[in-house]
């Protein structure tokens, strides 16, 4: 379940609570302090969900991946070395979870049999759904990008990560990250100029 939006009566509580220290929260969470992990969750859940939603373009799948990210983070907290920010580590888990989902989906789709007999599957009397809106918005354009280009674009331009961080997160070279970003931006310009 995603974190609830901040209510007005809790704003003062957040302003007064300036004891947020990521290193301390992670250390205490590693020692089994569920409240510290809950605080790490609350700090990061909306950003991780937004990333997953942009990648998956499906709210239910994004929520499922987000939940999986935090379950994996809790289970593997002992593996977090502190060489990067905790949020960067969470994003790398989100990238891996998203790619795992895509692989599972691909394997699932390969189980279906293709057929040349279209009439066999024709739905009698049903009219196909037609969309007359030909304007392409940014979210649709982003969702149509190739997976790695989309991932790099979101991590760099939306989430604000540097190419070195992205390269470490998704296990590619810095130059490859830059090339993916260039390609993604070029495709977006072409799509949005149609």
N, C-alpha and C. Protein backbone atom coordinates (compact mmCIF):
# COMPACT_ATOMS: atom_id res chain seq x y z
N UNK A 1 0.84 -1.17 0.00
CA UNK A 1 0.00 0.00 0.00
C UNK A 1 0.88 1.23 0.00
N UNK A 2 0.59 2.18 -0.81
CA UNK A 2 1.38 3.40 -0.90
C UNK A 2 1.10 4.32 0.27
N UNK A 3 2.07 5.19 0.57
CA UNK A 3 1.93 6.12 1.69
C UNK A 3 0.79 7.08 1.43
N UNK A 4 0.10 7.42 2.49
CA UNK A 4 -1.00 8.39 2.40
C UNK A 4 -0.43 9.78 2.15
N UNK A 5 -1.17 10.64 1.45
CA UNK A 5 -0.71 12.01 1.28
C UNK A 5 -0.59 12.71 2.63
N UNK A 6 0.28 13.70 2.69
CA UNK A 6 0.50 14.43 3.93
C UNK A 6 -0.70 15.32 4.20
N UNK A 7 -1.25 15.20 5.39
CA UNK A 7 -2.40 16.02 5.78
C UNK A 7 -1.90 17.28 6.44
N UNK A 8 -2.71 18.32 6.40
CA UNK A 8 -2.30 19.62 6.93
C UNK A 8 -1.86 19.54 8.38
N UNK A 9 -2.56 18.74 9.19
CA UNK A 9 -2.21 18.69 10.61
C UNK A 9 -0.85 18.01 10.83
N UNK A 10 -0.35 17.24 9.84
CA UNK A 10 0.94 16.57 9.97
C UNK A 10 2.10 17.41 9.44
N UNK A 11 1.81 18.53 8.80
CA UNK A 11 2.88 19.34 8.24
C UNK A 11 3.76 19.90 9.34
N UNK A 12 3.16 20.39 10.41
CA UNK A 12 3.94 20.92 11.51
C UNK A 12 4.84 19.84 12.10
N UNK A 13 4.31 18.64 12.19
CA UNK A 13 5.08 17.52 12.72
C UNK A 13 6.31 17.27 11.84
N UNK A 14 6.15 17.36 10.52
CA UNK A 14 7.27 17.15 9.62
C UNK A 14 8.30 18.27 9.73
N UNK A 15 7.83 19.50 9.91
CA UNK A 15 8.74 20.62 10.04
C UNK A 15 9.55 20.51 11.33
N UNK A 16 8.90 20.12 12.41
CA UNK A 16 9.56 20.00 13.70
C UNK A 16 10.53 18.82 13.69
N UNK A 17 10.18 17.73 12.98
CA UNK A 17 11.01 16.54 12.95
C UNK A 17 12.14 16.72 11.94
N UNK A 18 13.24 17.33 12.39
CA UNK A 18 14.38 17.51 11.51
C UNK A 18 15.47 16.49 11.85
N UNK A 19 15.08 15.41 12.50
CA UNK A 19 16.05 14.40 12.91
C UNK A 19 16.33 13.39 11.79
N UNK A 20 15.83 13.66 10.60
CA UNK A 20 16.02 12.74 9.48
C UNK A 20 17.50 12.64 9.13
N UNK A 21 18.06 11.48 9.34
CA UNK A 21 19.43 11.18 8.96
C UNK A 21 19.39 9.81 8.31
N UNK A 22 19.55 9.78 7.00
CA UNK A 22 19.42 8.54 6.24
C UNK A 22 20.34 7.45 6.76
N UNK A 23 21.58 7.79 7.03
CA UNK A 23 22.56 6.80 7.50
C UNK A 23 22.10 6.18 8.81
N UNK A 24 21.61 7.01 9.71
CA UNK A 24 21.13 6.53 11.00
C UNK A 24 19.90 5.65 10.84
N UNK A 25 18.98 6.08 9.97
CA UNK A 25 17.77 5.29 9.73
C UNK A 25 18.12 3.92 9.16
N UNK A 26 19.04 3.90 8.19
CA UNK A 26 19.44 2.62 7.59
C UNK A 26 20.11 1.73 8.62
N UNK A 27 21.02 2.30 9.41
CA UNK A 27 21.72 1.51 10.44
C UNK A 27 20.72 0.90 11.42
N UNK A 28 19.77 1.70 11.89
CA UNK A 28 18.79 1.20 12.85
C UNK A 28 17.85 0.18 12.21
N UNK A 29 17.49 0.42 10.96
CA UNK A 29 16.63 -0.54 10.25
C UNK A 29 17.34 -1.88 10.08
N UNK A 30 18.64 -1.83 9.81
CA UNK A 30 19.42 -3.08 9.69
C UNK A 30 19.40 -3.88 10.99
N UNK A 31 19.31 -3.17 12.09
CA UNK A 31 19.28 -3.83 13.40
C UNK A 31 17.87 -4.29 13.77
N UNK A 32 16.95 -4.17 12.83
CA UNK A 32 15.60 -4.68 13.05
C UNK A 32 14.58 -3.65 13.48
N UNK A 33 14.93 -2.38 13.47
CA UNK A 33 13.99 -1.33 13.86
C UNK A 33 13.01 -1.07 12.71
N UNK A 34 11.83 -1.63 12.84
CA UNK A 34 10.81 -1.49 11.80
C UNK A 34 10.35 -0.06 11.61
N UNK A 35 10.35 0.73 12.68
CA UNK A 35 9.94 2.13 12.56
C UNK A 35 10.90 2.92 11.70
N UNK A 36 12.18 2.62 11.78
CA UNK A 36 13.17 3.31 10.94
C UNK A 36 12.98 2.93 9.48
N UNK A 37 12.72 1.64 9.23
CA UNK A 37 12.48 1.24 7.85
C UNK A 37 11.18 1.86 7.35
N UNK A 38 10.18 1.94 8.21
CA UNK A 38 8.93 2.59 7.83
C UNK A 38 9.18 4.05 7.44
N UNK A 39 10.05 4.72 8.18
CA UNK A 39 10.38 6.12 7.86
C UNK A 39 11.09 6.20 6.51
N UNK A 40 12.02 5.27 6.24
CA UNK A 40 12.70 5.23 4.94
C UNK A 40 11.68 4.99 3.82
N UNK A 41 10.72 4.12 4.08
CA UNK A 41 9.64 3.86 3.13
C UNK A 41 8.86 5.13 2.85
N UNK A 42 8.44 5.81 3.91
CA UNK A 42 7.63 7.02 3.76
C UNK A 42 8.37 8.12 2.98
N UNK A 43 9.66 8.22 3.21
CA UNK A 43 10.46 9.23 2.53
C UNK A 43 10.58 8.94 1.03
N UNK A 44 10.65 7.66 0.67
CA UNK A 44 10.99 7.27 -0.70
C UNK A 44 9.86 6.70 -1.54
N UNK A 45 8.75 6.31 -0.95
CA UNK A 45 7.73 5.55 -1.68
C UNK A 45 7.13 6.33 -2.84
N UNK A 46 6.84 7.59 -2.68
CA UNK A 46 6.19 8.33 -3.77
C UNK A 46 7.11 8.48 -4.98
N UNK A 47 8.38 8.69 -4.73
CA UNK A 47 9.33 8.84 -5.83
C UNK A 47 9.53 7.50 -6.56
N UNK A 48 9.62 6.42 -5.81
CA UNK A 48 9.77 5.09 -6.43
C UNK A 48 8.51 4.74 -7.22
N UNK A 49 7.34 5.02 -6.65
CA UNK A 49 6.10 4.74 -7.37
C UNK A 49 6.02 5.56 -8.67
N UNK A 50 6.39 6.83 -8.61
CA UNK A 50 6.36 7.68 -9.80
C UNK A 50 7.29 7.12 -10.88
N UNK A 51 8.46 6.66 -10.47
CA UNK A 51 9.39 6.06 -11.42
C UNK A 51 8.78 4.80 -12.03
N UNK A 52 8.22 3.94 -11.21
CA UNK A 52 7.62 2.69 -11.70
C UNK A 52 6.44 2.97 -12.62
N UNK A 53 5.65 3.97 -12.29
CA UNK A 53 4.51 4.32 -13.13
C UNK A 53 4.96 4.81 -14.49
N UNK A 54 6.01 5.60 -14.52
CA UNK A 54 6.52 6.07 -15.81
C UNK A 54 7.07 4.92 -16.64
N UNK A 55 7.72 3.98 -15.98
CA UNK A 55 8.29 2.84 -16.71
C UNK A 55 7.21 1.88 -17.18
N UNK A 56 6.27 1.57 -16.32
CA UNK A 56 5.26 0.55 -16.64
C UNK A 56 4.06 1.11 -17.37
N UNK A 57 3.77 2.40 -17.19
CA UNK A 57 2.58 3.04 -17.77
C UNK A 57 1.31 2.28 -17.40
N UNK A 58 1.30 1.73 -16.20
CA UNK A 58 0.17 0.96 -15.71
C UNK A 58 0.14 1.10 -14.19
N UNK A 59 -0.88 1.79 -13.64
CA UNK A 59 -0.89 2.04 -12.18
C UNK A 59 -0.85 0.79 -11.32
N UNK A 60 -1.58 -0.25 -11.71
CA UNK A 60 -1.58 -1.47 -10.90
C UNK A 60 -0.21 -2.14 -10.90
N UNK A 61 0.39 -2.22 -12.08
CA UNK A 61 1.72 -2.82 -12.18
C UNK A 61 2.74 -1.97 -11.44
N UNK A 62 2.63 -0.66 -11.54
CA UNK A 62 3.55 0.24 -10.85
C UNK A 62 3.45 0.06 -9.34
N UNK A 63 2.23 -0.09 -8.84
CA UNK A 63 2.06 -0.30 -7.40
C UNK A 63 2.64 -1.65 -6.98
N UNK A 64 2.42 -2.66 -7.80
CA UNK A 64 2.95 -3.99 -7.50
C UNK A 64 4.49 -3.97 -7.47
N UNK A 65 5.08 -3.33 -8.47
CA UNK A 65 6.54 -3.25 -8.52
C UNK A 65 7.06 -2.45 -7.32
N UNK A 66 6.38 -1.36 -6.99
CA UNK A 66 6.80 -0.53 -5.85
C UNK A 66 6.80 -1.36 -4.57
N UNK A 67 5.76 -2.15 -4.37
CA UNK A 67 5.70 -3.01 -3.19
C UNK A 67 6.84 -4.02 -3.20
N UNK A 68 7.10 -4.60 -4.37
CA UNK A 68 8.19 -5.57 -4.49
C UNK A 68 9.54 -4.93 -4.18
N UNK A 69 9.72 -3.67 -4.60
CA UNK A 69 10.97 -2.96 -4.35
C UNK A 69 11.21 -2.85 -2.85
N UNK A 70 10.20 -2.47 -2.10
CA UNK A 70 10.40 -2.29 -0.67
C UNK A 70 10.51 -3.61 0.08
N UNK A 71 9.85 -4.64 -0.41
CA UNK A 71 10.03 -5.97 0.19
C UNK A 71 11.47 -6.43 -0.03
N UNK A 72 11.96 -6.27 -1.27
CA UNK A 72 13.35 -6.65 -1.56
C UNK A 72 14.33 -5.80 -0.75
N UNK A 73 14.04 -4.52 -0.63
CA UNK A 73 14.92 -3.64 0.14
C UNK A 73 15.00 -4.11 1.59
N UNK A 74 13.87 -4.46 2.17
CA UNK A 74 13.85 -4.93 3.56
C UNK A 74 14.63 -6.24 3.69
N UNK A 75 14.39 -7.16 2.74
CA UNK A 75 15.05 -8.46 2.80
C UNK A 75 16.56 -8.35 2.56
N UNK A 76 16.98 -7.35 1.79
CA UNK A 76 18.39 -7.23 1.41
C UNK A 76 19.07 -6.00 2.01
N UNK A 77 18.49 -5.46 3.06
CA UNK A 77 19.05 -4.26 3.67
C UNK A 77 20.50 -4.46 4.11
N UNK A 78 20.82 -5.68 4.50
CA UNK A 78 22.20 -5.98 4.92
C UNK A 78 23.19 -5.85 3.76
N UNK A 79 22.70 -5.87 2.52
CA UNK A 79 23.57 -5.76 1.34
C UNK A 79 23.82 -4.31 0.93
N UNK A 80 23.05 -3.38 1.49
CA UNK A 80 23.25 -1.97 1.17
C UNK A 80 24.55 -1.52 1.81
N UNK A 81 25.53 -1.12 0.97
CA UNK A 81 26.87 -0.78 1.45
C UNK A 81 27.02 0.69 1.81
N UNK A 82 26.06 1.50 1.46
CA UNK A 82 26.15 2.92 1.79
C UNK A 82 27.07 3.70 0.87
N UNK A 83 27.46 3.12 -0.26
CA UNK A 83 28.33 3.81 -1.21
C UNK A 83 27.56 4.84 -2.03
N UNK A 84 26.25 4.71 -2.01
CA UNK A 84 25.38 5.66 -2.70
C UNK A 84 24.25 6.03 -1.74
N UNK A 85 23.39 6.93 -2.19
CA UNK A 85 22.25 7.27 -1.36
C UNK A 85 21.29 6.08 -1.33
N UNK A 86 20.53 5.99 -0.28
CA UNK A 86 19.55 4.91 -0.14
C UNK A 86 18.54 4.96 -1.29
N UNK A 87 18.13 6.17 -1.68
CA UNK A 87 17.16 6.31 -2.78
C UNK A 87 17.74 5.80 -4.10
N UNK A 88 19.03 5.98 -4.31
CA UNK A 88 19.68 5.46 -5.52
C UNK A 88 19.64 3.94 -5.51
N UNK A 89 19.92 3.35 -4.36
CA UNK A 89 19.86 1.90 -4.23
C UNK A 89 18.45 1.39 -4.50
N UNK A 90 17.44 2.11 -3.97
CA UNK A 90 16.05 1.72 -4.23
C UNK A 90 15.72 1.80 -5.72
N UNK A 91 16.21 2.84 -6.39
CA UNK A 91 15.96 2.96 -7.83
C UNK A 91 16.59 1.80 -8.60
N UNK A 92 17.77 1.36 -8.18
CA UNK A 92 18.39 0.23 -8.87
C UNK A 92 17.57 -1.04 -8.66
N UNK A 93 17.00 -1.20 -7.47
CA UNK A 93 16.10 -2.35 -7.23
C UNK A 93 14.86 -2.21 -8.11
N UNK A 94 14.32 -1.00 -8.23
CA UNK A 94 13.14 -0.77 -9.07
C UNK A 94 13.43 -1.10 -10.52
N UNK A 95 14.60 -0.71 -11.02
CA UNK A 95 14.99 -1.03 -12.39
C UNK A 95 15.00 -2.54 -12.58
N UNK A 96 15.63 -3.25 -11.65
CA UNK A 96 15.71 -4.71 -11.75
C UNK A 96 14.33 -5.36 -11.67
N UNK A 97 13.48 -4.87 -10.79
CA UNK A 97 12.13 -5.42 -10.67
C UNK A 97 11.33 -5.18 -11.96
N UNK A 98 11.46 -3.99 -12.53
CA UNK A 98 10.77 -3.68 -13.78
C UNK A 98 11.24 -4.61 -14.89
N UNK A 99 12.54 -4.79 -15.02
CA UNK A 99 13.08 -5.67 -16.06
C UNK A 99 12.65 -7.11 -15.84
N UNK A 100 12.59 -7.54 -14.59
CA UNK A 100 12.10 -8.89 -14.28
C UNK A 100 10.65 -9.04 -14.72
N UNK A 101 9.82 -8.03 -14.44
CA UNK A 101 8.42 -8.07 -14.86
C UNK A 101 8.31 -8.16 -16.38
N UNK A 102 9.13 -7.39 -17.10
CA UNK A 102 9.11 -7.42 -18.56
C UNK A 102 9.49 -8.80 -19.09
N UNK A 103 10.51 -9.41 -18.49
CA UNK A 103 10.92 -10.76 -18.93
C UNK A 103 9.81 -11.77 -18.67
N UNK A 104 9.17 -11.67 -17.50
CA UNK A 104 8.07 -12.59 -17.19
C UNK A 104 6.92 -12.39 -18.17
N UNK A 105 6.62 -11.14 -18.47
CA UNK A 105 5.53 -10.84 -19.40
C UNK A 105 5.86 -11.38 -20.79
N UNK A 106 7.11 -11.24 -21.21
CA UNK A 106 7.53 -11.74 -22.52
C UNK A 106 7.39 -13.26 -22.59
N UNK A 107 7.84 -13.94 -21.52
CA UNK A 107 7.71 -15.41 -21.50
C UNK A 107 6.25 -15.83 -21.52
N UNK A 108 5.41 -15.08 -20.80
CA UNK A 108 3.98 -15.38 -20.77
C UNK A 108 3.38 -15.23 -22.16
N UNK A 109 3.74 -14.15 -22.85
CA UNK A 109 3.19 -13.90 -24.18
C UNK A 109 3.67 -14.92 -25.20
N UNK A 110 4.86 -15.48 -25.00
CA UNK A 110 5.39 -16.48 -25.93
C UNK A 110 4.60 -17.79 -25.85
N UNK A 111 3.84 -17.98 -24.80
CA UNK A 111 3.04 -19.21 -24.66
C UNK A 111 1.79 -19.20 -25.52
N UNK A 112 1.39 -18.03 -25.98
CA UNK A 112 0.22 -17.94 -26.83
C UNK A 112 0.54 -18.41 -28.23
N UNK A 113 -0.42 -19.06 -28.85
CA UNK A 113 -0.23 -19.56 -30.20
C UNK A 113 -0.69 -18.49 -31.18
N UNK A 114 0.14 -18.23 -32.17
CA UNK A 114 -0.29 -17.30 -33.21
C UNK A 114 -1.08 -18.09 -34.26
N UNK A 115 -1.97 -17.40 -34.92
CA UNK A 115 -2.81 -18.07 -35.90
C UNK A 115 -3.04 -17.17 -37.11
N UNK A 116 -3.21 -17.78 -38.24
CA UNK A 116 -3.55 -17.03 -39.45
C UNK A 116 -5.05 -17.01 -39.65
N UNK A 117 -5.78 -17.80 -38.86
CA UNK A 117 -7.23 -17.89 -38.99
C UNK A 117 -7.88 -16.84 -38.08
N UNK A 118 -7.89 -15.59 -38.54
CA UNK A 118 -8.42 -14.48 -37.75
C UNK A 118 -9.92 -14.62 -37.52
N UNK A 119 -10.64 -15.17 -38.48
CA UNK A 119 -12.10 -15.31 -38.36
C UNK A 119 -12.48 -16.21 -37.18
N UNK A 120 -11.61 -17.13 -36.84
CA UNK A 120 -11.86 -18.02 -35.72
C UNK A 120 -11.98 -17.23 -34.41
N UNK A 121 -11.29 -16.11 -34.33
CA UNK A 121 -11.27 -15.31 -33.11
C UNK A 121 -12.06 -14.01 -33.25
N UNK A 122 -12.79 -13.87 -34.33
CA UNK A 122 -13.57 -12.65 -34.57
C UNK A 122 -14.72 -12.58 -33.57
N UNK A 123 -14.93 -11.41 -33.03
CA UNK A 123 -16.04 -11.19 -32.10
C UNK A 123 -17.20 -10.63 -32.92
N UNK A 124 -18.16 -11.47 -33.14
CA UNK A 124 -19.30 -11.10 -33.99
C UNK A 124 -20.08 -9.94 -33.39
N UNK A 125 -20.31 -8.93 -34.22
CA UNK A 125 -21.15 -7.82 -33.82
C UNK A 125 -20.46 -6.75 -32.98
N UNK A 126 -19.24 -7.02 -32.52
CA UNK A 126 -18.54 -6.02 -31.72
C UNK A 126 -17.79 -5.06 -32.63
N UNK A 127 -17.94 -3.79 -32.33
CA UNK A 127 -17.21 -2.79 -33.10
C UNK A 127 -15.88 -2.52 -32.42
N UNK A 128 -14.84 -2.34 -33.22
CA UNK A 128 -13.56 -2.03 -32.60
C UNK A 128 -13.59 -0.65 -31.96
N UNK A 129 -12.84 -0.51 -30.89
CA UNK A 129 -12.77 0.77 -30.20
C UNK A 129 -11.92 1.73 -31.04
N UNK A 130 -12.45 2.90 -31.30
CA UNK A 130 -11.75 3.88 -32.13
C UNK A 130 -11.47 5.12 -31.30
N UNK A 131 -10.26 5.59 -31.37
CA UNK A 131 -9.87 6.80 -30.68
C UNK A 131 -9.62 7.89 -31.71
N UNK A 132 -10.28 9.02 -31.58
CA UNK A 132 -10.13 10.09 -32.54
C UNK A 132 -9.10 11.13 -32.10
N UNK A 133 -8.62 11.02 -30.88
CA UNK A 133 -7.65 11.97 -30.39
C UNK A 133 -6.28 11.60 -30.94
N UNK A 134 -5.76 12.40 -31.85
CA UNK A 134 -4.48 12.07 -32.47
C UNK A 134 -3.32 12.83 -31.83
N UNK A 135 -3.62 13.66 -30.82
CA UNK A 135 -2.54 14.37 -30.14
C UNK A 135 -1.76 13.39 -29.27
N UNK A 136 -0.46 13.47 -29.39
CA UNK A 136 0.39 12.60 -28.59
C UNK A 136 0.90 13.41 -27.42
N UNK A 137 0.59 12.97 -26.23
CA UNK A 137 1.11 13.70 -25.07
C UNK A 137 2.46 13.11 -24.66
N UNK A 138 3.12 13.82 -23.80
CA UNK A 138 4.47 13.45 -23.40
C UNK A 138 4.53 12.07 -22.75
N UNK A 139 3.58 11.76 -21.87
CA UNK A 139 3.60 10.46 -21.19
C UNK A 139 3.47 9.31 -22.19
N UNK A 140 2.58 9.46 -23.19
CA UNK A 140 2.44 8.41 -24.20
C UNK A 140 3.70 8.30 -25.04
N UNK A 141 4.30 9.43 -25.36
CA UNK A 141 5.53 9.41 -26.14
C UNK A 141 6.65 8.72 -25.36
N UNK A 142 6.74 9.02 -24.07
CA UNK A 142 7.77 8.38 -23.25
C UNK A 142 7.52 6.88 -23.15
N UNK A 143 6.27 6.50 -22.98
CA UNK A 143 5.97 5.07 -22.83
C UNK A 143 6.26 4.28 -24.10
N UNK A 144 6.35 4.95 -25.24
CA UNK A 144 6.62 4.24 -26.49
C UNK A 144 8.12 4.10 -26.78
N UNK A 145 8.96 4.68 -25.95
CA UNK A 145 10.41 4.60 -26.16
C UNK A 145 10.91 3.17 -25.93
N UNK A 146 12.02 2.81 -26.56
CA UNK A 146 12.66 1.52 -26.24
C UNK A 146 13.01 1.50 -24.74
N UNK A 147 12.97 0.33 -24.13
CA UNK A 147 13.07 0.19 -22.67
C UNK A 147 14.28 0.90 -22.06
N UNK A 148 15.49 0.62 -22.56
CA UNK A 148 16.66 1.23 -21.92
C UNK A 148 16.71 2.73 -22.16
N UNK A 149 16.31 3.17 -23.33
CA UNK A 149 16.28 4.62 -23.61
C UNK A 149 15.28 5.29 -22.67
N UNK A 150 14.12 4.66 -22.48
CA UNK A 150 13.10 5.21 -21.58
C UNK A 150 13.63 5.26 -20.14
N UNK A 151 14.28 4.19 -19.73
CA UNK A 151 14.80 4.12 -18.37
C UNK A 151 15.83 5.22 -18.13
N UNK A 152 16.75 5.40 -19.06
CA UNK A 152 17.79 6.42 -18.90
C UNK A 152 17.17 7.81 -18.91
N UNK A 153 16.22 8.05 -19.81
CA UNK A 153 15.55 9.35 -19.87
C UNK A 153 14.87 9.67 -18.55
N UNK A 154 14.13 8.73 -18.01
CA UNK A 154 13.42 8.95 -16.75
C UNK A 154 14.40 9.17 -15.61
N UNK A 155 15.41 8.32 -15.52
CA UNK A 155 16.37 8.46 -14.43
C UNK A 155 17.15 9.76 -14.53
N UNK A 156 17.51 10.19 -15.73
CA UNK A 156 18.32 11.39 -15.90
C UNK A 156 17.49 12.67 -15.87
N UNK A 157 16.51 12.76 -16.76
CA UNK A 157 15.77 14.01 -16.93
C UNK A 157 14.68 14.22 -15.89
N UNK A 158 14.09 13.16 -15.39
CA UNK A 158 12.99 13.31 -14.44
C UNK A 158 13.47 13.11 -13.01
N UNK A 159 14.23 12.05 -12.78
CA UNK A 159 14.69 11.76 -11.41
C UNK A 159 15.96 12.52 -11.04
N UNK A 160 16.70 13.01 -12.03
CA UNK A 160 17.86 13.85 -11.77
C UNK A 160 19.17 13.13 -11.48
N UNK A 161 19.27 11.87 -11.85
CA UNK A 161 20.52 11.14 -11.63
C UNK A 161 21.54 11.50 -12.71
N UNK A 162 22.81 11.40 -12.35
CA UNK A 162 23.93 11.63 -13.28
C UNK A 162 24.17 10.34 -14.06
N UNK A 163 24.83 10.48 -15.22
CA UNK A 163 25.08 9.31 -16.06
C UNK A 163 25.89 8.23 -15.34
N UNK A 164 26.82 8.64 -14.48
CA UNK A 164 27.61 7.66 -13.75
C UNK A 164 26.72 6.82 -12.82
N UNK A 165 25.78 7.48 -12.15
CA UNK A 165 24.86 6.78 -11.25
C UNK A 165 23.95 5.84 -12.04
N UNK A 166 23.46 6.33 -13.17
CA UNK A 166 22.58 5.51 -14.01
C UNK A 166 23.33 4.28 -14.52
N UNK A 167 24.56 4.49 -14.96
CA UNK A 167 25.37 3.38 -15.46
C UNK A 167 25.53 2.30 -14.39
N UNK A 168 25.75 2.72 -13.15
CA UNK A 168 25.89 1.75 -12.06
C UNK A 168 24.56 1.05 -11.77
N UNK A 169 23.46 1.82 -11.83
CA UNK A 169 22.14 1.26 -11.52
C UNK A 169 21.73 0.17 -12.49
N UNK A 170 21.93 0.44 -13.78
CA UNK A 170 21.40 -0.52 -14.77
C UNK A 170 22.52 -1.30 -15.47
N UNK A 171 23.73 -1.18 -14.90
CA UNK A 171 24.86 -2.00 -15.35
C UNK A 171 25.21 -1.79 -16.82
N UNK A 172 25.43 -0.52 -17.18
CA UNK A 172 25.89 -0.17 -18.52
C UNK A 172 27.03 0.82 -18.39
N UNK A 173 27.68 1.12 -19.49
CA UNK A 173 28.76 2.10 -19.50
C UNK A 173 28.18 3.51 -19.49
N UNK A 174 28.95 4.48 -19.01
CA UNK A 174 28.51 5.87 -18.96
C UNK A 174 28.20 6.36 -20.38
N UNK A 175 29.04 6.02 -21.34
CA UNK A 175 28.82 6.41 -22.74
C UNK A 175 27.53 5.83 -23.30
N UNK A 176 27.21 4.62 -22.89
CA UNK A 176 25.97 3.98 -23.34
C UNK A 176 24.77 4.72 -22.76
N UNK A 177 24.89 5.14 -21.51
CA UNK A 177 23.82 5.91 -20.88
C UNK A 177 23.59 7.21 -21.65
N UNK A 178 24.66 7.89 -22.00
CA UNK A 178 24.55 9.14 -22.75
C UNK A 178 23.93 8.90 -24.13
N UNK A 179 24.31 7.81 -24.77
CA UNK A 179 23.76 7.48 -26.09
C UNK A 179 22.27 7.19 -26.00
N UNK A 180 21.86 6.45 -24.97
CA UNK A 180 20.44 6.16 -24.77
C UNK A 180 19.65 7.45 -24.55
N UNK A 181 20.21 8.36 -23.76
CA UNK A 181 19.52 9.63 -23.50
C UNK A 181 19.38 10.43 -24.78
N UNK A 182 20.44 10.49 -25.57
CA UNK A 182 20.40 11.22 -26.85
C UNK A 182 19.33 10.61 -27.76
N UNK A 183 19.32 9.29 -27.84
CA UNK A 183 18.33 8.58 -28.69
C UNK A 183 16.91 8.86 -28.20
N UNK A 184 16.71 8.79 -26.89
CA UNK A 184 15.37 9.00 -26.32
C UNK A 184 14.88 10.41 -26.63
N UNK A 185 15.73 11.39 -26.43
CA UNK A 185 15.34 12.77 -26.70
C UNK A 185 15.03 12.99 -28.18
N UNK A 186 15.81 12.37 -29.04
CA UNK A 186 15.58 12.49 -30.49
C UNK A 186 14.23 11.89 -30.88
N UNK A 187 13.95 10.70 -30.36
CA UNK A 187 12.66 10.05 -30.65
C UNK A 187 11.51 10.88 -30.12
N UNK A 188 11.65 11.42 -28.90
CA UNK A 188 10.59 12.27 -28.33
C UNK A 188 10.33 13.51 -29.18
N UNK A 189 11.41 14.15 -29.63
CA UNK A 189 11.24 15.33 -30.49
C UNK A 189 10.48 14.97 -31.75
N UNK A 190 10.83 13.84 -32.35
CA UNK A 190 10.16 13.40 -33.58
C UNK A 190 8.68 13.09 -33.32
N UNK A 191 8.42 12.38 -32.23
CA UNK A 191 7.03 12.00 -31.90
C UNK A 191 6.18 13.22 -31.59
N UNK A 192 6.74 14.16 -30.84
CA UNK A 192 5.97 15.33 -30.42
C UNK A 192 5.81 16.37 -31.53
N UNK A 193 6.62 16.25 -32.58
CA UNK A 193 6.48 17.20 -33.69
C UNK A 193 5.51 16.71 -34.75
N UNK A 194 4.99 15.51 -34.60
CA UNK A 194 4.02 14.96 -35.58
C UNK A 194 2.70 15.66 -35.48
